[in-house]
């Protein structure tokens, strides 16, 4: 450890906070390369990041505080960076003991800590590394140019290894826990903005403490650092169906819109969905970062988005980042229901009355880490079939009730199936799940 980084830990070390326990959703023990991999329960991840503008490098120190789940073995986690030094419970370990192992096409790699950890106590994995382009499909690196530096967490659910693990030690989606990130820019010659859905304390210019709550999972955290010269910023406080809220809009100057238009459209979406689905569950603010192009991504109470996808992404703060998929096998339903309900892509009667081919949207691989592309199309058709079976208004009511029951928590496909069967009183719902979600050709 360098002296400067050791001092930084002493100055801005973060404290651990208890995590929510969702261990029932954890995948089973798995054997990979002759190693018995055990899922873990992360208590918190505490990280310090120093962005050095002179060397155009980022030094990171991260402590992953965790407990073992169920039985003895080697702990599983993920990090898509090259670790330079590590310690487990205060004892230095060879980084070779934290190697990434191939879990197969649907999972990609995960790391296995080749050391049996204590049961029923908090273990601490201390890691140091210098950020580079994450070893994840289609990942991007930090951008350094004359205007300054741009960093984006840049999450994606269409490839494995594209959530928090790109930058921080992380777990699979079942695990809810705090992430504490202290960020310092050293040598920045231009003003930079911090755009985040984390609770933020500005310690001094270009030094922030970000705190993400214990409801967070690996896909929750929006962190964008961008030169102020590239952004039009607009913030407004108002009333959304009786609740006081603030909308913060960061509109890139090269985006084909204005910050005022984005703010107006965001307010409209917030009013509509808080009325039709239930209360906003992300504090009293909504963070929107708009750019040009077509790519967009949802976060808890926030989005980085193209203008055309703004309403879709806002709705994800109800389905996807309000009530959260418990695994990637459950990631289909937030996209499917979003397309069906928010985007209004509802199949016509002729389509839903005709029996279709079996569709697998929810894999039976508990380590799957890819949301299938068919979620957007055939997933929306599935909700159309449900609406045809139980009535569109009833489906709307039941999905609102589902959101209000599980908001701030994770929920599985089985949770949704059982909820809808009970709420509708119609066992035929199970047949639709069997054929058009689990892909079973049952007659």
Protein backbone atom coordinates (compact mmCIF):
# COMPACT_ATOMS: atom_id res chain seq x y z
CA UNK A 1 0.00 0.00 0.00
CA UNK A 2 1.38 3.43 -0.88
CA UNK A 3 1.69 6.01 1.86
CA UNK A 4 -0.74 8.41 0.16
CA UNK A 5 -3.44 5.76 -0.09
CA UNK A 6 -2.89 4.66 3.51
CA UNK A 7 -3.40 8.27 4.59
CA UNK A 8 -6.54 8.48 2.48
CA UNK A 9 -8.03 5.49 4.27
CA UNK A 10 -7.45 7.17 7.61
CA UNK A 11 -9.00 10.42 6.41
CA UNK A 12 -12.10 9.21 4.61
CA UNK A 13 -12.61 5.60 5.70
CA UNK A 14 -16.27 4.64 5.46
CA UNK A 15 -18.24 2.84 8.16
CA UNK A 16 -20.13 -0.38 7.58
CA UNK A 17 -23.90 -0.48 7.76
CA UNK A 18 -26.09 -3.55 8.16
CA UNK A 19 -27.44 -5.01 4.94
CA UNK A 20 -30.82 -6.47 4.19
CA UNK A 21 -30.78 -10.27 4.18
CA UNK A 22 -32.18 -12.03 1.10
CA UNK A 23 -30.28 -15.25 1.52
CA UNK A 24 -33.30 -17.35 0.52
CA UNK A 25 -32.79 -16.05 -3.03
CA UNK A 26 -29.09 -16.96 -3.16
CA UNK A 27 -28.11 -19.64 -5.68
CA UNK A 28 -26.96 -23.06 -4.46
CA UNK A 29 -23.40 -24.09 -3.74
CA UNK A 30 -21.51 -24.71 -6.97
CA UNK A 31 -18.32 -26.55 -7.87
CA UNK A 32 -16.07 -24.86 -10.43
CA UNK A 33 -12.56 -25.99 -11.36
CA UNK A 34 -12.58 -28.36 -8.40
CA UNK A 35 -13.43 -25.58 -5.93
CA UNK A 36 -16.58 -25.56 -3.82
CA UNK A 37 -17.99 -22.06 -4.30
CA UNK A 38 -20.27 -20.66 -1.58
CA UNK A 39 -22.57 -17.64 -2.08
CA UNK A 40 -22.01 -14.86 0.42
CA UNK A 41 -24.03 -12.14 2.15
CA UNK A 42 -22.27 -8.79 1.72
CA UNK A 43 -22.74 -6.51 4.72
CA UNK A 44 -21.23 -3.46 3.02
CA UNK A 45 -18.64 -2.41 0.47
CA UNK A 46 -16.50 0.59 1.48
CA UNK A 47 -14.42 2.14 -1.28
CA UNK A 48 -12.04 5.05 -1.84
CA UNK A 49 -11.25 6.24 -5.38
CA UNK A 50 -8.55 8.82 -6.22
CA UNK A 51 -8.66 10.19 -9.78
CA UNK A 52 -5.22 11.61 -10.63
CA UNK A 53 -5.44 13.98 -13.61
CA UNK A 54 -1.67 14.27 -14.06
CA UNK A 55 -1.12 10.53 -14.51
CA UNK A 56 -4.66 9.89 -15.82
CA UNK A 57 -5.02 7.01 -13.41
CA UNK A 58 -7.46 5.98 -10.68
CA UNK A 59 -6.23 4.24 -7.53
CA UNK A 60 -8.84 2.29 -5.60
CA UNK A 61 -8.99 0.79 -2.13
CA UNK A 62 -12.04 -1.33 -1.36
CA UNK A 63 -13.15 -3.35 1.67
CA UNK A 64 -15.85 -5.98 1.15
CA UNK A 65 -17.42 -6.93 4.48
CA UNK A 66 -19.31 -10.20 4.22
CA UNK A 67 -20.68 -13.30 5.89
CA UNK A 68 -20.79 -16.86 4.62
CA UNK A 69 -24.18 -18.33 3.76
CA UNK A 70 -25.11 -21.75 5.06
CA UNK A 71 -21.98 -23.87 4.92
CA UNK A 72 -18.20 -23.95 4.70
CA UNK A 73 -16.37 -23.52 1.43
CA UNK A 74 -14.77 -20.86 -0.72
CA UNK A 75 -16.63 -17.52 -0.99
CA UNK A 76 -17.90 -16.25 -4.36
CA UNK A 77 -17.84 -12.62 -5.52
CA UNK A 78 -17.01 -10.64 -8.65
CA UNK A 79 -14.69 -7.80 -9.64
CA UNK A 80 -13.73 -7.03 -13.23
CA UNK A 81 -10.48 -5.21 -12.39
CA UNK A 82 -6.90 -6.46 -12.00
CA UNK A 83 -6.22 -6.72 -8.28
CA UNK A 84 -2.71 -5.63 -7.24
CA UNK A 85 -2.83 -6.52 -3.53
CA UNK A 86 -5.26 -8.13 -1.11
CA UNK A 87 -5.76 -9.09 2.51
CA UNK A 88 -8.36 -11.31 4.15
CA UNK A 89 -9.27 -10.51 7.75
CA UNK A 90 -6.10 -8.46 8.10
CA UNK A 91 -3.72 -11.07 6.68
CA UNK A 92 -2.10 -10.51 3.27
CA UNK A 93 -3.04 -13.09 0.65
CA UNK A 94 -1.72 -13.83 -2.82
CA UNK A 95 -3.99 -12.31 -5.48
CA UNK A 96 -3.82 -15.69 -7.24
CA UNK A 97 -6.15 -16.91 -4.48
CA UNK A 98 -8.81 -14.55 -5.86
CA UNK A 99 -8.72 -15.77 -9.44
CA UNK A 100 -11.66 -15.45 -11.83
CA UNK A 101 -13.20 -18.76 -12.94
CA UNK A 102 -15.37 -19.43 -15.97
CA UNK A 103 -18.93 -20.35 -14.93
CA UNK A 104 -20.21 -20.76 -18.49
CA UNK A 105 -21.74 -18.60 -21.21
CA UNK A 106 -24.76 -17.35 -19.24
CA UNK A 107 -22.65 -16.39 -16.23
CA UNK A 108 -19.23 -15.41 -17.45
CA UNK A 109 -16.56 -15.35 -14.78
CA UNK A 110 -16.78 -14.96 -11.01
CA UNK A 111 -13.99 -14.85 -8.47
CA UNK A 112 -13.48 -17.51 -5.82
CA UNK A 113 -11.62 -16.70 -2.61
CA UNK A 114 -9.47 -19.78 -2.14
CA UNK A 115 -9.55 -19.61 1.64
CA UNK A 116 -12.20 -20.96 3.97
CA UNK A 117 -13.68 -18.06 5.92
CA UNK A 118 -15.16 -18.02 9.38
CA UNK A 119 -18.85 -18.77 9.71
CA UNK A 120 -21.36 -16.49 11.47
CA UNK A 121 -18.94 -13.56 11.68
CA UNK A 122 -18.12 -10.65 9.39
CA UNK A 123 -15.09 -11.32 7.20
CA UNK A 124 -13.24 -8.45 5.53
CA UNK A 125 -11.65 -8.71 2.08
CA UNK A 126 -9.34 -5.74 1.49
CA UNK A 127 -8.47 -5.02 -2.15
CA UNK A 128 -6.29 -2.51 -3.97
CA UNK A 129 -6.25 -1.93 -7.71
CA UNK A 130 -5.85 0.70 -10.44
CA UNK A 131 -8.92 1.14 -12.63
CA UNK A 132 -8.74 0.02 -16.23
CA UNK A 133 -11.37 -0.93 -18.77
CA UNK A 134 -13.44 -3.59 -16.97
CA UNK A 135 -12.98 -7.15 -18.26
CA UNK A 136 -16.70 -7.24 -19.08
CA UNK A 137 -18.43 -7.47 -22.48
CA UNK A 138 -18.82 -4.08 -24.21
CA UNK A 139 -17.47 -2.20 -21.17
CA UNK A 140 -16.01 1.29 -21.56
CA UNK A 141 -13.05 3.00 -19.96
CA UNK A 142 -12.74 6.40 -18.33
CA UNK A 143 -12.51 9.26 -20.82
CA UNK A 144 -9.72 11.80 -20.39
CA UNK A 145 -9.55 14.80 -22.74
CA UNK A 146 -8.95 18.56 -22.83
CA UNK A 147 -12.34 19.29 -21.25
CA UNK A 148 -11.49 17.06 -18.28
CA UNK A 149 -12.55 13.53 -17.32
CA UNK A 150 -15.78 11.55 -17.73
CA UNK A 151 -16.57 8.51 -15.62
CA UNK A 152 -19.82 6.55 -15.82
CA UNK A 153 -20.75 3.36 -13.94
CA UNK A 154 -22.28 2.33 -17.31
CA UNK A 155 -24.33 -0.62 -16.10
CA UNK A 156 -26.08 -3.02 -18.47
CA UNK A 157 -28.28 -6.10 -17.97
CA UNK A 158 -27.71 -7.59 -21.42
CA UNK A 159 -24.21 -8.91 -20.71
CA UNK A 160 -22.73 -10.66 -17.66
CA UNK A 161 -20.38 -8.68 -15.47
CA UNK A 162 -21.75 -5.24 -16.33
CA UNK A 163 -23.05 -4.07 -12.95
CA UNK A 164 -21.12 -2.81 -9.90
CA UNK A 165 -18.53 -5.55 -10.36
CA UNK A 166 -17.03 -3.49 -13.18
CA UNK A 167 -15.61 -1.09 -10.57
CA UNK A 168 -16.17 -2.53 -7.07
CA UNK A 169 -16.26 -5.98 -5.46
CA UNK A 170 -19.88 -7.07 -5.83
CA UNK A 171 -22.37 -9.90 -5.54
CA UNK A 172 -25.29 -11.28 -7.55
CA UNK A 173 -28.64 -9.50 -7.52
CA UNK A 174 -30.19 -11.26 -4.52
CA UNK A 175 -27.89 -9.35 -2.16
CA UNK A 176 -28.99 -5.93 -0.88
CA UNK A 177 -26.36 -3.93 0.98
CA UNK A 178 -24.88 -0.43 1.34
CA UNK A 179 -22.13 0.81 -0.94
CA UNK A 180 -20.03 3.67 0.45
CA UNK A 181 -17.77 5.44 -2.05
CA UNK A 182 -15.40 8.30 -1.28
CA UNK A 183 -14.16 10.01 -4.44
CA UNK A 184 -11.40 12.58 -4.83
CA UNK A 185 -10.23 14.32 -8.01
CA UNK A 186 -6.57 15.40 -7.80
CA UNK A 187 -5.20 17.95 -10.25
CA UNK A 188 -8.43 18.70 -12.11
CA UNK A 189 -7.99 22.00 -13.97
CA UNK A 190 -11.67 22.42 -14.86
CA UNK A 191 -14.87 22.20 -12.83
CA UNK A 192 -16.45 18.73 -12.67
CA UNK A 193 -19.94 17.71 -11.59
CA UNK A 194 -20.94 14.68 -9.55
CA UNK A 195 -24.17 13.16 -10.90
CA UNK A 196 -25.40 10.38 -8.64
CA UNK A 197 -28.39 8.84 -6.92
CA UNK A 198 -26.31 8.28 -3.80
CA UNK A 199 -26.66 10.52 -0.75
CA UNK A 200 -23.84 12.98 -1.33
CA UNK A 201 -21.63 15.03 0.96
CA UNK A 202 -19.24 17.43 -0.76
CA UNK A 203 -16.25 17.43 1.59
CA UNK A 204 -14.51 20.13 -0.48
CA UNK A 205 -14.21 20.98 -4.14
CA UNK A 206 -13.86 17.78 -6.19
CA UNK A 207 -14.11 15.54 -3.14
CA UNK A 208 -17.34 13.69 -2.38
CA UNK A 209 -18.67 11.03 -0.05
CA UNK A 210 -21.42 8.91 -1.65
CA UNK A 211 -23.68 6.69 0.44
CA UNK A 212 -25.98 4.17 -1.22
CA UNK A 213 -28.62 2.61 1.08
CA UNK A 214 -29.00 -0.97 2.29
CA UNK A 215 -31.79 -1.52 -0.27
CA UNK A 216 -29.18 -1.28 -3.06
CA UNK A 217 -28.20 -4.24 -5.20
CA UNK A 218 -25.42 -4.56 -7.78
CA UNK A 219 -27.40 -2.62 -10.41
CA UNK A 220 -28.56 0.31 -8.24
CA UNK A 221 -25.74 2.85 -8.32
CA UNK A 222 -25.58 5.72 -10.77
CA UNK A 223 -22.27 7.59 -10.62
CA UNK A 224 -21.35 9.98 -13.40
CA UNK A 225 -18.49 12.47 -13.15
CA UNK A 226 -18.44 14.92 -16.03
CA UNK A 227 -16.90 18.30 -16.93
CA UNK A 228 -19.34 21.07 -15.97
CA UNK A 229 -18.73 22.77 -19.33
CA UNK A 230 -20.52 19.91 -21.11
CA UNK A 231 -23.74 20.07 -19.06
CA UNK A 232 -26.84 22.24 -18.75
CA UNK A 233 -28.19 21.75 -15.22
CA UNK A 234 -31.71 22.47 -14.02
CA UNK A 235 -33.26 21.62 -10.67
CA UNK A 236 -36.80 22.19 -9.48
CA UNK A 237 -38.75 21.34 -6.37
CA UNK A 238 -42.44 20.61 -6.63
CA UNK A 239 -45.41 18.53 -5.58
CA UNK A 240 -46.00 15.09 -7.11
CA UNK A 241 -49.43 13.85 -6.12
CA UNK A 242 -49.08 15.18 -2.60
CA UNK A 243 -45.41 14.33 -2.10
CA UNK A 244 -42.68 16.97 -2.18
CA UNK A 245 -39.97 16.09 -4.69
CA UNK A 246 -36.98 17.59 -6.44
CA UNK A 247 -36.05 16.81 -10.03
CA UNK A 248 -32.40 17.28 -10.98
CA UNK A 249 -31.75 17.33 -14.72
CA UNK A 250 -28.27 17.12 -16.22
CA UNK A 251 -28.64 17.58 -19.95
CA UNK A 252 -25.58 17.22 -22.13
CA UNK A 253 -25.16 20.19 -24.42
CA UNK A 254 -24.89 17.88 -27.42
CA UNK A 255 -28.23 16.18 -26.61
CA UNK A 256 -31.10 17.03 -29.02
CA UNK A 257 -33.25 18.62 -26.33
CA UNK A 258 -33.25 21.15 -23.50
CA UNK A 259 -33.01 20.69 -19.76
CA UNK A 260 -36.39 22.39 -19.35
CA UNK A 261 -38.09 19.96 -21.72
CA UNK A 262 -36.53 17.00 -19.90
CA UNK A 263 -37.68 18.38 -16.56
CA UNK A 264 -41.24 18.85 -17.84
CA UNK A 265 -41.39 15.31 -19.26
CA UNK A 266 -39.90 13.81 -16.11
CA UNK A 267 -42.47 15.58 -13.93
CA UNK A 268 -45.26 14.27 -16.16
CA UNK A 269 -44.02 10.67 -15.85
CA UNK A 270 -43.58 10.94 -12.09
CA UNK A 271 -47.15 12.21 -11.67
CA UNK A 272 -48.58 9.49 -13.88
CA UNK A 273 -46.80 6.51 -12.32
CA UNK A 274 -47.04 7.60 -8.70
CA UNK A 275 -50.80 7.80 -9.29
CA UNK A 276 -51.21 4.59 -11.29
CA UNK A 277 -48.69 2.32 -9.53
CA UNK A 278 -47.88 3.66 -6.08
CA UNK A 279 -45.66 6.10 -4.24
CA UNK A 280 -42.15 6.91 -5.39
CA UNK A 281 -39.79 4.93 -3.14
CA UNK A 282 -36.46 6.69 -3.70
CA UNK A 283 -36.41 9.56 -1.26
CA UNK A 284 -37.45 13.03 -2.32
CA UNK A 285 -35.46 13.45 -5.53
CA UNK A 286 -35.21 12.07 -9.07
CA UNK A 287 -31.91 12.30 -10.98
CA UNK A 288 -31.94 12.42 -14.79
CA UNK A 289 -28.87 12.57 -17.05
CA UNK A 290 -29.69 12.93 -20.76
CA UNK A 291 -27.36 12.39 -23.70
CA UNK A 292 -27.58 11.92 -27.44
CA UNK A 293 -27.77 8.48 -29.03
CA UNK A 294 -30.02 5.55 -28.22
CA UNK A 295 -28.49 3.81 -25.21
CA UNK A 296 -30.25 4.20 -21.84
CA UNK A 297 -30.03 2.64 -18.38
CA UNK A 298 -32.11 2.67 -15.23
CA UNK A 299 -30.90 3.05 -11.64
CA UNK A 300 -32.66 3.43 -8.29
CA UNK A 301 -34.58 6.70 -8.65
CA UNK A 302 -32.36 7.83 -11.52
CA UNK A 303 -31.45 7.27 -15.14
CA UNK A 304 -28.86 7.96 -17.80
CA UNK A 305 -30.97 8.12 -20.92
CA UNK A 306 -31.69 9.23 -24.43
CA UNK A 307 -34.69 11.53 -24.65
CA UNK A 308 -36.85 8.97 -26.45
CA UNK A 309 -36.43 6.43 -23.63
CA UNK A 310 -37.01 8.87 -20.76
CA UNK A 311 -40.51 7.73 -19.81
CA UNK A 312 -39.48 4.06 -20.06
CA UNK A 313 -36.52 4.64 -17.77
CA UNK A 314 -38.51 6.63 -15.22
CA UNK A 315 -41.02 3.75 -14.97
CA UNK A 316 -38.14 1.43 -14.08
CA UNK A 317 -37.94 3.21 -10.72
CA UNK A 318 -41.22 1.40 -10.03
CA UNK A 319 -40.56 -1.91 -11.81
CA UNK A 320 -36.92 -2.93 -11.88
CA UNK A 321 -35.43 -0.50 -9.37
CA UNK A 322 -38.45 -0.09 -7.03
CA UNK A 323 -39.38 -3.73 -6.78
CA UNK A 324 -36.16 -5.40 -7.91
CA UNK A 325 -35.52 -8.73 -9.67
CA UNK A 326 -34.05 -11.23 -7.20
CA UNK A 327 -31.82 -12.69 -9.91
CA UNK A 328 -31.10 -12.22 -13.59
CA UNK A 329 -33.64 -15.00 -14.19
CA UNK A 330 -36.20 -12.51 -12.92
CA UNK A 331 -34.87 -9.57 -14.92
CA UNK A 332 -37.29 -10.35 -17.75
CA UNK A 333 -40.40 -9.13 -15.94
CA UNK A 334 -39.35 -5.54 -15.34
CA UNK A 335 -38.52 -5.04 -19.03
CA UNK A 336 -41.56 -6.97 -20.19
CA UNK A 337 -44.03 -5.11 -18.00
CA UNK A 338 -42.34 -1.80 -18.75
CA UNK A 339 -42.77 -2.31 -22.50
CA UNK A 340 -46.34 -3.52 -22.05
CA UNK A 341 -47.50 -0.84 -19.60
CA UNK A 342 -45.28 2.25 -19.92
CA UNK A 343 -44.44 1.95 -23.61
CA UNK A 344 -47.99 0.91 -24.47
CA UNK A 345 -46.90 -1.94 -26.71
CA UNK A 346 -49.88 -4.17 -26.03
CA UNK A 347 -50.47 -7.06 -28.41
CA UNK A 348 -53.76 -7.23 -30.26
CA UNK A 349 -56.47 -9.74 -29.46
CA UNK A 350 -55.59 -12.01 -32.39
CA UNK A 351 -52.05 -12.50 -31.07
CA UNK A 352 -52.97 -13.34 -27.47
CA UNK A 353 -55.88 -15.63 -28.35
CA UNK A 354 -53.65 -17.84 -30.49
CA UNK A 355 -51.39 -20.35 -28.76
CA UNK A 356 -47.75 -19.53 -29.39
CA UNK A 357 -44.57 -21.51 -29.11
CA UNK A 358 -43.06 -22.03 -25.66
CA UNK A 359 -40.80 -19.15 -24.60
CA UNK A 360 -38.06 -19.27 -21.97
CA UNK A 361 -37.72 -15.89 -20.31
CA UNK A 362 -36.76 -17.22 -16.88
CA UNK A 363 -33.80 -19.59 -17.12
CA UNK A 364 -33.36 -22.57 -14.79
CA UNK A 365 -29.66 -21.70 -14.39
CA UNK A 366 -29.40 -20.08 -10.93
CA UNK A 367 -26.14 -18.38 -11.97
CA UNK A 368 -27.55 -16.85 -15.14
CA UNK A 369 -26.48 -13.19 -15.51
CA UNK A 370 -28.15 -12.15 -18.77
CA UNK A 371 -31.62 -10.70 -19.28
CA UNK A 372 -32.92 -12.26 -22.52
CA UNK A 373 -33.58 -9.87 -25.39
CA UNK A 374 -36.99 -11.50 -25.90
CA UNK A 375 -38.13 -9.88 -22.63
CA UNK A 376 -38.87 -6.67 -24.54
CA UNK A 377 -40.99 -8.33 -27.20
CA UNK A 378 -42.32 -11.74 -26.20
CA UNK A 379 -42.30 -10.67 -22.56
CA UNK A 380 -44.70 -7.85 -23.40
CA UNK A 381 -46.84 -10.36 -25.29
CA UNK A 382 -46.93 -12.50 -22.14
CA UNK A 383 -48.42 -9.63 -20.16
CA UNK A 384 -50.89 -9.15 -23.00
CA UNK A 385 -51.93 -12.77 -22.57
CA UNK A 386 -52.36 -12.21 -18.83
CA UNK A 387 -54.50 -9.14 -19.51
CA UNK A 388 -56.66 -11.16 -21.91
CA UNK A 389 -57.08 -13.91 -19.31
CA UNK A 390 -57.84 -11.87 -16.19
CA UNK A 391 -58.72 -8.45 -17.64
CA UNK A 392 -56.42 -5.50 -18.36
CA UNK A 393 -57.76 -3.41 -15.47
CA UNK A 394 -57.37 -6.31 -13.05
CA UNK A 395 -53.80 -6.90 -14.23
CA UNK A 396 -53.03 -3.23 -13.67
CA UNK A 397 -54.46 -3.38 -10.14
CA UNK A 398 -52.64 -6.58 -9.27
CA UNK A 399 -49.29 -5.30 -10.57
CA UNK A 400 -49.73 -2.10 -8.57
CA UNK A 401 -50.41 -4.21 -5.49
CA UNK A 402 -47.36 -6.33 -6.28
CA UNK A 403 -45.22 -3.20 -6.45
CA UNK A 404 -46.59 -1.88 -3.18
CA UNK A 405 -45.94 -5.20 -1.44
CA UNK A 406 -42.36 -5.62 -2.65
CA UNK A 407 -41.10 -2.09 -3.24
CA UNK A 408 -37.60 -1.64 -1.86
CA UNK A 409 -37.14 -5.41 -1.89
CA UNK A 410 -36.19 -8.12 -4.36
CA UNK A 411 -38.80 -10.45 -5.82
CA UNK A 412 -38.56 -13.57 -7.96
CA UNK A 413 -40.58 -14.80 -10.91
CA UNK A 414 -42.16 -17.35 -8.58
CA UNK A 415 -43.14 -14.51 -6.22
CA UNK A 416 -44.90 -12.75 -9.07
CA UNK A 417 -46.58 -15.91 -10.32
CA UNK A 418 -47.91 -16.84 -6.89
CA UNK A 419 -49.04 -13.27 -6.22
CA UNK A 420 -50.97 -13.04 -9.49
CA UNK A 421 -52.58 -16.45 -9.04
CA UNK A 422 -53.77 -15.53 -5.55
CA UNK A 423 -54.85 -11.99 -6.48
CA UNK A 424 -56.77 -13.08 -9.57
CA UNK A 425 -58.10 -16.33 -8.13
CA UNK A 426 -57.35 -17.90 -11.50
CA UNK A 427 -55.12 -20.99 -11.65
CA UNK A 428 -54.92 -20.65 -15.44
CA UNK A 429 -52.29 -17.98 -14.79
CA UNK A 430 -49.87 -20.80 -13.96
CA UNK A 431 -50.31 -22.29 -17.42
CA UNK A 432 -49.28 -19.00 -19.01
CA UNK A 433 -46.19 -18.81 -16.82
CA UNK A 434 -45.35 -22.43 -17.61
CA UNK A 435 -45.49 -21.97 -21.38
CA UNK A 436 -44.48 -18.33 -21.98
CA UNK A 437 -42.04 -17.70 -19.12
CA UNK A 438 -40.50 -21.10 -18.22
CA UNK A 439 -40.71 -22.47 -21.76
CA UNK A 440 -42.45 -25.72 -20.88
CA UNK A 441 -44.44 -27.35 -23.69
CA UNK A 442 -47.21 -28.78 -21.52
CA UNK A 443 -50.45 -30.10 -22.94
